[in-house]
Amino acid sequence: MTTVPMRDHPLPPLLRDLFPVRQVSGPVGAVMLRVQHVLDSEIAPTAAVRDRTGGYPHQAVAALKATGILALAVPCAWGGLGMAQDLSLELMLRIAVADPAVAQIYKVHDDLVREIFAYAPPDLRQRLAHRIMHDRAILGMAVAENGRTADGFLQTLARPCPDGTHVLSGRKIYATGASGADLIAVSSFDPVRAQRLGSVRAGVRMDLVPRNAPGLVFHHDWDRMGQRATDSGTVTLADVKVDGQWNALDPDAALPQHVALRFQAGFSAILTGIGIGAVRAVCAFVPAHARPWGAAGVDSADQDPYVRRLLGEIGADLFAAYCSVMQAGTMLVQYENGQVSRNAVAMAASAARSVATRAALRAASDAPAAAGARGTDNVNGLDRYWRDARTLSLHDPVDWKNAEIGRHLLTGWEPEPGPYQ
């Protein structure tokens, strides 16, 4: 019996040979190549417009849906393509080069799919796989709440009804991707069940709610300086009825311990993509439009040694960030295969977040210096890279990532699993 070799699909370089062609084989590679074509032909050329107008990027997401991208994270056992975590991060990064707001919306879908298929009851996994594979359903998120601290998630209440359903009431913030999602993952707390079973965990729910569910209201009040097209605004739930068959959180299931680490790695991938996008834009602008400084004694700005040095240093920083992100992805895969400890993944994810944050902010802030004053013309849109990077970098304090690495190095301390560590 002979086997047909898996065909390689070359993904184009991100920054010439500093980020060369990447070969991805099989059906996953075919989808990623289709995604790259959509990014280059449809999403990147219109990113600046979406930045100016804000709102959910319906057309961009629809174009991505047509590539088959939503099935990538679905496990093979449920009919999906089972894309490995490192390739998932590569994909998020590439989408971010084109439009980081769209990348964050896809990230939410990817993360939720991987999480829910780890702990949901089998019958829900089957229904969810069908919705994703056949209906091209994209998942959004409504989890965060405006509590006293950033890690409080138990204010949205689930009230049990005699017919076995629950009614959800509460207010969510930072609901990335929710307003345009087909299914929205909504966390809530059932105090009756928690008290009856004597466990807070027993009262926690994660329901998949259709976007058009009565009582579910999207306020479209996201008004930030960056990541404008994520539409990550407020969602309120006024007696939203949910069926128990769409509660994804099986009360007896063991929760995966690396969810927060995967979330952090995804942020690092998007930040790195923003930095690469900024450098690409500047490198395209400088030879064609920038003027050389007189003292340089050169005919064009791309011959200026200080311009070369600046962009070279920034490129090197981004290369380090990319390698850190890919290593974090590799560690996530190894953890899922039982090959490394959770703490090893935590250190890799925190390091990637630290390196990617610095690299993205420097690239978005300093690379435009190579373009000169005329590069600040609004038509070039170079400011959006910094606004996106700065906004995303504040999702949670990177100083805590550095402090956790330092604490581990000094004392051997290992972070307990939590929403952000």
Protein backbone atom coordinates (compact mmCIF):
# COMPACT_ATOMS: atom_id res chain seq x y z
CA MET A 1 0.00 0.00 0.00
CA THR A 2 1.36 3.40 -0.95
CA THR A 3 0.57 6.69 0.75
CA VAL A 4 0.07 9.96 -1.07
CA PRO A 5 2.41 12.60 0.29
CA MET A 6 0.82 15.63 1.92
CA ARG A 7 1.11 18.61 -0.38
CA ASP A 8 2.99 21.60 0.99
CA HIS A 9 1.40 25.03 0.82
CA PRO A 10 3.89 27.90 0.96
CA LEU A 11 2.70 30.89 2.97
CA PRO A 12 4.35 34.07 1.64
CA PRO A 13 7.07 35.84 3.61
CA LEU A 14 5.97 38.47 6.12
CA LEU A 15 9.10 40.66 5.99
CA ARG A 16 11.27 39.45 3.12
CA ASP A 17 13.78 36.83 4.30
CA LEU A 18 13.64 38.04 7.91
CA PHE A 19 10.30 36.19 8.02
CA PRO A 20 10.66 33.84 5.04
CA VAL A 21 8.16 31.52 3.36
CA ARG A 22 6.55 29.03 5.73
CA GLN A 23 5.51 25.65 4.44
CA VAL A 24 2.28 24.19 5.85
CA SER A 25 1.07 20.84 4.55
CA GLY A 26 -2.29 19.21 4.03
CA PRO A 27 -5.82 20.59 4.40
CA VAL A 28 -4.75 23.02 7.14
CA GLY A 29 -2.17 24.52 4.82
CA ALA A 30 -4.73 24.81 2.02
CA VAL A 31 -7.09 26.77 4.27
CA MET A 32 -4.30 29.00 5.54
CA LEU A 33 -3.28 29.77 1.97
CA ARG A 34 -6.87 30.72 1.10
CA VAL A 35 -6.98 32.91 4.19
CA GLN A 36 -3.74 34.62 3.16
CA HIS A 37 -5.21 35.41 -0.26
CA VAL A 38 -8.28 37.00 1.36
CA LEU A 39 -6.07 38.95 3.75
CA ASP A 40 -3.97 40.35 0.91
CA SER A 41 -6.79 41.05 -1.55
CA GLU A 42 -9.74 42.07 0.64
CA ILE A 43 -8.95 42.67 4.29
CA ALA A 44 -5.64 44.54 4.34
CA PRO A 45 -6.66 47.10 1.67
CA THR A 46 -9.75 48.08 3.68
CA ALA A 47 -8.29 47.96 7.22
CA ALA A 48 -7.75 51.72 7.48
CA VAL A 49 -11.39 52.36 6.55
CA ARG A 50 -12.60 49.99 9.28
CA ASP A 51 -10.30 51.74 11.75
CA ARG A 52 -11.90 55.08 10.92
CA THR A 53 -15.50 53.88 11.00
CA GLY A 54 -15.39 51.27 13.77
CA GLY A 55 -18.20 48.79 14.24
CA TYR A 56 -18.19 45.04 13.66
CA PRO A 57 -16.32 44.10 10.44
CA HIS A 58 -19.11 42.04 8.88
CA GLN A 59 -17.70 41.95 5.34
CA ALA A 60 -14.19 41.00 6.47
CA VAL A 61 -15.49 38.21 8.70
CA ALA A 62 -17.77 36.93 5.94
CA ALA A 63 -14.79 36.77 3.57
CA LEU A 64 -12.84 34.77 6.14
CA LYS A 65 -15.75 32.42 6.78
CA ALA A 66 -15.76 31.47 3.09
CA THR A 67 -12.19 30.15 3.37
CA GLY A 68 -13.11 27.43 5.87
CA ILE A 69 -11.12 29.11 8.65
CA LEU A 70 -13.71 28.50 11.37
CA ALA A 71 -13.25 24.72 11.20
CA LEU A 72 -9.51 24.84 11.77
CA ALA A 73 -9.69 24.66 15.57
CA VAL A 74 -12.44 22.02 15.67
CA PRO A 75 -10.86 18.69 16.72
CA CYS A 76 -10.52 16.03 14.03
CA ALA A 77 -12.67 13.68 16.12
CA TRP A 78 -15.60 16.03 15.54
CA GLY A 79 -15.04 16.59 11.82
CA GLY A 80 -12.71 19.57 12.02
CA LEU A 81 -9.11 20.03 10.95
CA GLY A 82 -7.53 19.99 14.42
CA MET A 83 -4.99 22.71 13.67
CA ALA A 84 -2.04 22.69 16.07
CA GLN A 85 -1.61 25.59 18.46
CA ASP A 86 1.58 26.94 16.88
CA LEU A 87 -0.11 27.20 13.49
CA SER A 88 -3.10 28.85 15.13
CA LEU A 89 -0.78 31.55 16.49
CA GLU A 90 0.85 31.91 13.07
CA LEU A 91 -2.59 32.46 11.58
CA MET A 92 -3.59 35.04 14.20
CA LEU A 93 -0.34 36.87 13.57
CA ARG A 94 -0.90 36.93 9.81
CA ILE A 95 -4.44 38.22 10.20
CA ALA A 96 -3.11 40.91 12.56
CA VAL A 97 -0.63 42.09 9.93
CA ALA A 98 -3.66 42.80 7.74
CA ASP A 99 -6.10 43.99 10.42
CA PRO A 100 -5.54 43.34 14.15
CA ALA A 101 -9.20 43.97 14.99
CA VAL A 102 -10.26 41.13 12.71
CA ALA A 103 -7.48 39.02 14.21
CA GLN A 104 -8.84 39.56 17.72
CA ILE A 105 -12.33 38.52 16.63
CA TYR A 106 -10.95 35.33 15.08
CA LYS A 107 -8.81 34.73 18.18
CA VAL A 108 -11.92 34.70 20.37
CA HIS A 109 -13.52 32.06 18.12
CA ASP A 110 -10.38 29.92 18.03
CA ASP A 111 -9.83 30.10 21.80
CA LEU A 112 -13.46 29.35 22.64
CA VAL A 113 -13.66 26.40 20.26
CA ARG A 114 -10.53 24.83 21.76
CA GLU A 115 -11.79 25.47 25.28
CA ILE A 116 -15.37 24.30 24.83
CA PHE A 117 -14.46 21.10 23.03
CA ALA A 118 -12.26 20.26 26.02
CA TYR A 119 -15.02 20.34 28.64
CA ALA A 120 -18.46 20.37 26.99
CA PRO A 121 -20.79 17.35 27.09
CA PRO A 122 -20.48 15.11 24.00
CA ASP A 123 -23.94 15.93 22.65
CA LEU A 124 -23.17 19.66 22.73
CA ARG A 125 -19.85 19.09 21.00
CA GLN A 126 -21.70 17.34 18.20
CA ARG A 127 -24.23 20.16 17.82
CA LEU A 128 -21.53 22.82 17.98
CA ALA A 129 -19.37 21.04 15.41
CA HIS A 130 -22.35 20.95 13.05
CA ARG A 131 -23.04 24.66 13.53
CA ILE A 132 -19.40 25.53 12.81
CA MET A 133 -18.74 23.08 10.00
CA HIS A 134 -22.04 23.32 8.12
CA ASP A 135 -23.49 26.71 9.12
CA ARG A 136 -20.19 28.59 9.35
CA ALA A 137 -21.08 29.77 12.83
CA ILE A 138 -18.53 32.04 14.49
CA LEU A 139 -18.31 32.32 18.27
CA GLY A 140 -18.13 35.56 20.22
CA MET A 141 -17.59 36.17 23.91
CA ALA A 142 -19.45 37.96 26.72
CA VAL A 143 -17.58 37.04 29.89
CA ALA A 144 -15.90 40.08 31.48
CA GLU A 145 -17.82 42.13 34.03
CA ASN A 146 -17.31 45.54 35.56
CA GLY A 147 -16.48 44.35 39.06
CA ARG A 148 -14.12 45.87 41.60
CA THR A 149 -11.23 43.84 40.15
CA ALA A 150 -10.60 42.62 36.61
CA ASP A 151 -10.95 38.93 37.53
CA GLY A 152 -14.49 39.02 38.95
CA PHE A 153 -16.93 37.09 36.73
CA LEU A 154 -19.90 36.11 38.95
CA GLN A 155 -22.25 39.11 38.70
CA THR A 156 -24.40 37.83 35.83
CA LEU A 157 -26.97 35.58 37.48
CA ALA A 158 -28.65 32.46 36.10
CA ARG A 159 -32.09 31.89 37.60
CA PRO A 160 -33.38 28.31 37.29
CA CYS A 161 -36.92 27.83 35.96
CA PRO A 162 -39.33 24.92 36.65
CA ASP A 163 -39.07 23.70 33.05
CA GLY A 164 -35.32 23.13 33.37
CA THR A 165 -34.27 26.29 31.52
CA HIS A 166 -32.39 29.21 33.04
CA VAL A 167 -32.93 32.94 32.74
CA LEU A 168 -29.79 35.09 32.53
CA SER A 169 -29.62 38.69 33.76
CA GLY A 170 -26.56 40.91 33.91
CA ARG A 171 -24.18 43.23 32.14
CA LYS A 172 -21.01 42.30 30.26
CA ILE A 173 -18.12 44.50 29.10
CA TYR A 174 -15.29 43.94 26.61
CA ALA A 175 -17.55 41.59 24.66
CA THR A 176 -15.18 41.09 21.72
CA GLY A 177 -16.83 39.66 18.64
CA ALA A 178 -20.23 39.29 20.32
CA SER A 179 -22.25 41.74 18.25
CA GLY A 180 -21.54 39.88 14.99
CA ALA A 181 -21.22 36.34 16.32
CA ASP A 182 -23.66 33.56 15.54
CA LEU A 183 -23.26 32.07 19.01
CA ILE A 184 -22.08 34.02 22.07
CA ALA A 185 -20.39 32.33 25.01
CA VAL A 186 -21.96 33.93 28.08
CA SER A 187 -20.70 33.14 31.56
CA SER A 188 -23.13 33.29 34.48
CA PHE A 189 -23.60 32.07 38.03
CA ASP A 190 -26.43 29.98 39.45
CA PRO A 191 -26.37 30.68 43.22
CA VAL A 192 -29.16 28.17 43.89
CA ARG A 193 -27.18 25.27 42.48
CA ALA A 194 -23.96 26.47 44.08
CA GLN A 195 -25.60 26.58 47.51
CA ARG A 196 -27.33 23.24 47.07
CA LEU A 197 -24.10 21.46 46.13
CA GLY A 198 -21.86 23.52 48.40
CA SER A 199 -19.51 24.55 45.60
CA VAL A 200 -19.00 27.81 43.72
CA ARG A 201 -17.77 25.82 40.73
CA ALA A 202 -21.09 23.97 40.57
CA GLY A 203 -22.91 27.25 39.97
CA VAL A 204 -20.77 28.49 37.09
CA ARG A 205 -22.29 28.23 33.61
CA MET A 206 -21.07 28.95 30.08
CA ASP A 207 -24.06 29.12 27.76
CA LEU A 208 -23.90 29.46 23.98
CA VAL A 209 -26.55 32.05 23.23
CA PRO A 210 -27.79 32.92 19.71
CA ARG A 211 -27.19 36.54 18.72
CA ASN A 212 -30.91 37.15 18.19
CA ALA A 213 -32.02 35.77 21.57
CA PRO A 214 -34.78 37.95 23.13
CA GLY A 215 -33.42 40.17 25.89
CA LEU A 216 -29.85 40.16 24.55
CA VAL A 217 -28.85 43.75 23.75
CA PHE A 218 -25.66 45.00 22.08
CA HIS A 219 -24.93 48.60 22.94
CA HIS A 220 -22.22 49.27 20.32
CA ASP A 221 -20.54 51.65 22.76
CA TRP A 222 -16.95 50.63 22.07
CA ASP A 223 -15.14 53.94 21.66
CA ARG A 224 -11.43 53.33 22.16
CA MET A 225 -8.46 54.86 20.41
CA GLY A 226 -7.49 51.51 18.87
CA GLN A 227 -8.89 48.07 17.96
CA ARG A 228 -11.98 49.99 16.93
CA ALA A 229 -13.44 47.33 14.65
CA THR A 230 -13.61 44.68 17.37
CA ASP A 231 -16.83 46.33 18.59
CA SER A 232 -15.87 45.11 22.07
CA GLY A 233 -18.58 47.07 23.83
CA THR A 234 -21.26 46.40 26.41
CA VAL A 235 -23.79 43.57 26.25
CA THR A 236 -26.76 43.41 28.61
CA LEU A 237 -28.94 40.41 29.32
CA ALA A 238 -32.50 41.06 30.47
CA ASP A 239 -34.14 37.72 31.30
CA VAL A 240 -32.47 35.87 28.44
CA LYS A 241 -33.82 32.30 28.45
CA VAL A 242 -31.28 29.55 27.75
CA ASP A 243 -31.80 25.84 27.24
CA GLY A 244 -29.69 23.48 29.32
CA GLN A 245 -28.53 21.65 26.20
CA TRP A 246 -26.48 24.74 25.25
CA ASN A 247 -24.69 25.00 28.60
CA ALA A 248 -21.18 24.15 27.45
CA LEU A 249 -19.71 23.77 30.92
CA ASP A 250 -20.24 20.18 31.99
CA PRO A 251 -20.34 20.42 35.81
CA ASP A 252 -18.37 17.19 36.16
CA ALA A 253 -15.74 17.95 33.54
CA ALA A 254 -12.15 18.74 34.46
CA LEU A 255 -11.35 22.25 33.36
CA PRO A 256 -8.27 22.73 31.16
CA GLN A 257 -5.49 24.43 33.10
CA HIS A 258 -3.87 26.30 30.23
CA VAL A 259 -6.76 28.40 28.89
CA ALA A 260 -5.31 31.67 30.20
CA LEU A 261 -1.90 30.81 28.76
CA ARG A 262 -3.39 30.22 25.33
CA PHE A 263 -5.22 33.55 25.55
CA GLN A 264 -1.95 35.31 26.41
CA ALA A 265 -0.07 33.65 23.55
CA GLY A 266 -2.75 34.83 21.15
CA PHE A 267 -2.41 38.42 22.32
CA SER A 268 1.34 38.15 21.77
CA ALA A 269 0.77 36.88 18.23
CA ILE A 270 -1.53 39.80 17.42
CA LEU A 271 0.86 42.34 18.92
CA THR A 272 3.71 40.93 16.86
CA GLY A 273 1.53 41.09 13.77
CA ILE A 274 0.76 44.76 14.44
CA GLY A 275 4.49 45.50 14.64
CA ILE A 276 5.17 43.64 11.40
CA GLY A 277 2.32 45.51 9.72
CA ALA A 278 3.79 48.84 10.80
CA VAL A 279 7.25 47.98 9.46
CA ARG A 280 5.83 46.73 6.18
CA ALA A 281 3.91 49.97 5.71
CA VAL A 282 6.97 52.09 6.48
CA CYS A 283 9.27 50.02 4.26
CA ALA A 284 6.85 50.47 1.37
CA PHE A 285 6.61 54.22 1.98
CA VAL A 286 10.29 55.13 2.46
CA PRO A 287 11.77 54.27 -0.98
CA ALA A 288 8.88 55.85 -2.86
CA HIS A 289 7.99 58.92 -0.82
CA ALA A 290 10.44 59.77 1.98
CA ARG A 291 13.12 62.41 1.42
CA PRO A 292 16.73 61.71 2.45
CA TRP A 293 18.30 63.95 5.06
CA GLY A 294 20.77 66.34 3.47
CA ALA A 295 23.70 65.42 5.70
CA ALA A 296 23.34 61.77 4.71
CA GLY A 297 24.69 62.55 1.25
CA VAL A 298 22.50 59.92 -0.42
CA ASP A 299 20.03 60.05 -3.29
CA SER A 300 17.10 58.30 -1.57
CA ALA A 301 15.92 57.79 2.01
CA ASP A 302 16.30 54.03 1.85
CA GLN A 303 20.07 54.56 1.48
CA ASP A 304 20.29 56.55 4.71
CA PRO A 305 22.37 54.47 7.18
CA TYR A 306 20.31 55.66 10.15
CA VAL A 307 17.07 54.69 8.47
CA ARG A 308 18.54 51.28 7.77
CA ARG A 309 19.77 50.93 11.32
CA LEU A 310 16.44 51.95 12.83
CA LEU A 311 14.38 49.55 10.74
CA GLY A 312 16.97 46.82 11.19
CA GLU A 313 16.80 47.06 14.97
CA ILE A 314 13.03 47.07 14.94
CA GLY A 315 13.02 44.11 12.56
CA ALA A 316 15.35 42.21 14.89
CA ASP A 317 13.04 42.92 17.83
CA LEU A 318 10.08 41.62 15.86
CA PHE A 319 12.02 38.51 14.85
CA ALA A 320 12.65 37.80 18.55
CA ALA A 321 8.96 38.36 19.30
CA TYR A 322 7.92 36.02 16.50
CA CYS A 323 10.26 33.29 17.75
CA SER A 324 8.93 33.74 21.29
CA VAL A 325 5.34 33.42 20.11
CA MET A 326 6.09 30.30 18.09
CA GLN A 327 7.93 28.76 21.05
CA ALA A 328 4.92 29.44 23.26
CA GLY A 329 2.78 27.67 20.66
CA THR A 330 5.12 24.70 20.65
CA MET A 331 5.00 24.55 24.45
CA LEU A 332 1.20 24.60 24.39
CA VAL A 333 1.20 21.62 22.03
CA GLN A 334 3.68 19.79 24.24
CA TYR A 335 1.62 20.50 27.34
CA GLU A 336 -1.50 19.08 25.69
CA ASN A 337 0.56 15.96 24.88
CA GLY A 338 1.73 15.65 28.49
CA GLN A 339 5.36 16.46 27.66
CA VAL A 340 5.95 19.64 29.70
CA SER A 341 4.65 21.16 32.90
CA ARG A 342 2.05 23.90 33.04
CA ASN A 343 4.59 26.23 34.60
CA ALA A 344 6.95 25.77 31.66
CA VAL A 345 4.14 26.93 29.38
CA ALA A 346 3.33 29.80 31.73
CA MET A 347 6.90 31.08 31.59
CA ALA A 348 6.99 30.79 27.79
CA ALA A 349 3.64 32.57 27.40
CA SER A 350 4.64 35.37 29.79
CA ALA A 351 7.99 35.81 28.07
CA ALA A 352 6.31 36.00 24.67
CA ARG A 353 3.85 38.57 25.95
CA SER A 354 6.68 40.68 27.38
CA VAL A 355 8.84 40.56 24.25
CA ALA A 356 5.92 41.02 21.84
CA THR A 357 4.56 44.03 23.73
CA ARG A 358 7.87 45.87 23.64
CA ALA A 359 8.53 44.98 20.01
CA ALA A 360 5.07 46.00 18.83
CA LEU A 361 5.04 49.31 20.68
CA ARG A 362 8.50 50.23 19.43
CA ALA A 363 7.71 49.25 15.86
CA ALA A 364 4.44 51.15 15.83
CA SER A 365 5.94 54.21 17.54
CA ASP A 366 9.46 54.45 16.10
CA ALA A 367 9.27 52.94 12.61
CA PRO A 368 7.33 55.97 11.26
CA ALA A 369 10.42 58.09 12.05
CA ALA A 370 11.98 56.54 8.96
CA ALA A 371 9.12 57.94 6.87
CA GLY A 372 9.71 61.51 8.00
CA ALA A 373 7.13 64.22 8.53
CA ARG A 374 5.25 63.49 5.30
CA GLY A 375 4.61 59.98 6.57
CA THR A 376 2.22 61.46 9.13
CA ASP A 377 -0.29 62.42 6.46
CA ASN A 378 -3.64 60.97 7.48
CA VAL A 379 -3.98 59.14 4.17
CA ASN A 380 -1.09 56.86 5.19
CA GLY A 381 -2.78 55.77 8.40
CA LEU A 382 0.49 54.98 10.18
CA ASP A 383 -0.96 56.12 13.49
CA ARG A 384 -3.40 53.21 13.65
CA TYR A 385 -0.60 50.73 14.27
CA TRP A 386 0.42 52.47 17.47
CA ARG A 387 -3.18 52.99 18.57
CA ASP A 388 -3.95 49.30 18.02
CA ALA A 389 -0.77 48.13 19.75
CA ARG A 390 -1.18 50.43 22.72
CA THR A 391 -4.84 49.51 23.19
CA LEU A 392 -4.29 45.76 22.95
CA SER A 393 -1.19 45.89 25.17
CA LEU A 394 -3.38 47.21 28.01
CA HIS A 395 -5.65 44.17 28.02
CA ASP A 396 -3.83 43.18 31.21
CA PRO A 397 -0.61 44.61 32.66
CA VAL A 398 2.51 43.20 31.05
CA ASP A 399 4.45 44.23 34.18
CA TRP A 400 2.75 41.35 35.97
CA LYS A 401 4.12 38.96 33.36
CA ASN A 402 7.63 40.25 33.96
CA ALA A 403 7.17 40.09 37.73
CA GLU A 404 5.92 36.50 37.55
CA ILE A 405 8.95 35.45 35.49
CA GLY A 406 11.24 37.23 37.95
CA ARG A 407 9.54 35.66 40.97
CA HIS A 408 9.95 32.22 39.43
CA LEU A 409 13.62 32.82 38.65
CA LEU A 410 14.33 34.06 42.18
CA THR A 411 12.29 31.62 44.24
CA GLY A 412 11.03 28.80 42.00
CA TRP A 413 7.46 30.03 42.48
CA GLU A 414 4.87 28.65 40.07
CA PRO A 415 1.67 30.60 39.30
CA GLU A 416 -1.64 28.99 40.16
CA PRO A 417 -4.03 28.64 37.21
CA GLY A 418 -6.28 31.68 36.95
CA PRO A 419 -7.93 33.98 34.44
CA TYR A 420 -4.69 35.84 33.72
CA GLN A 421 -1.82 33.56 34.77
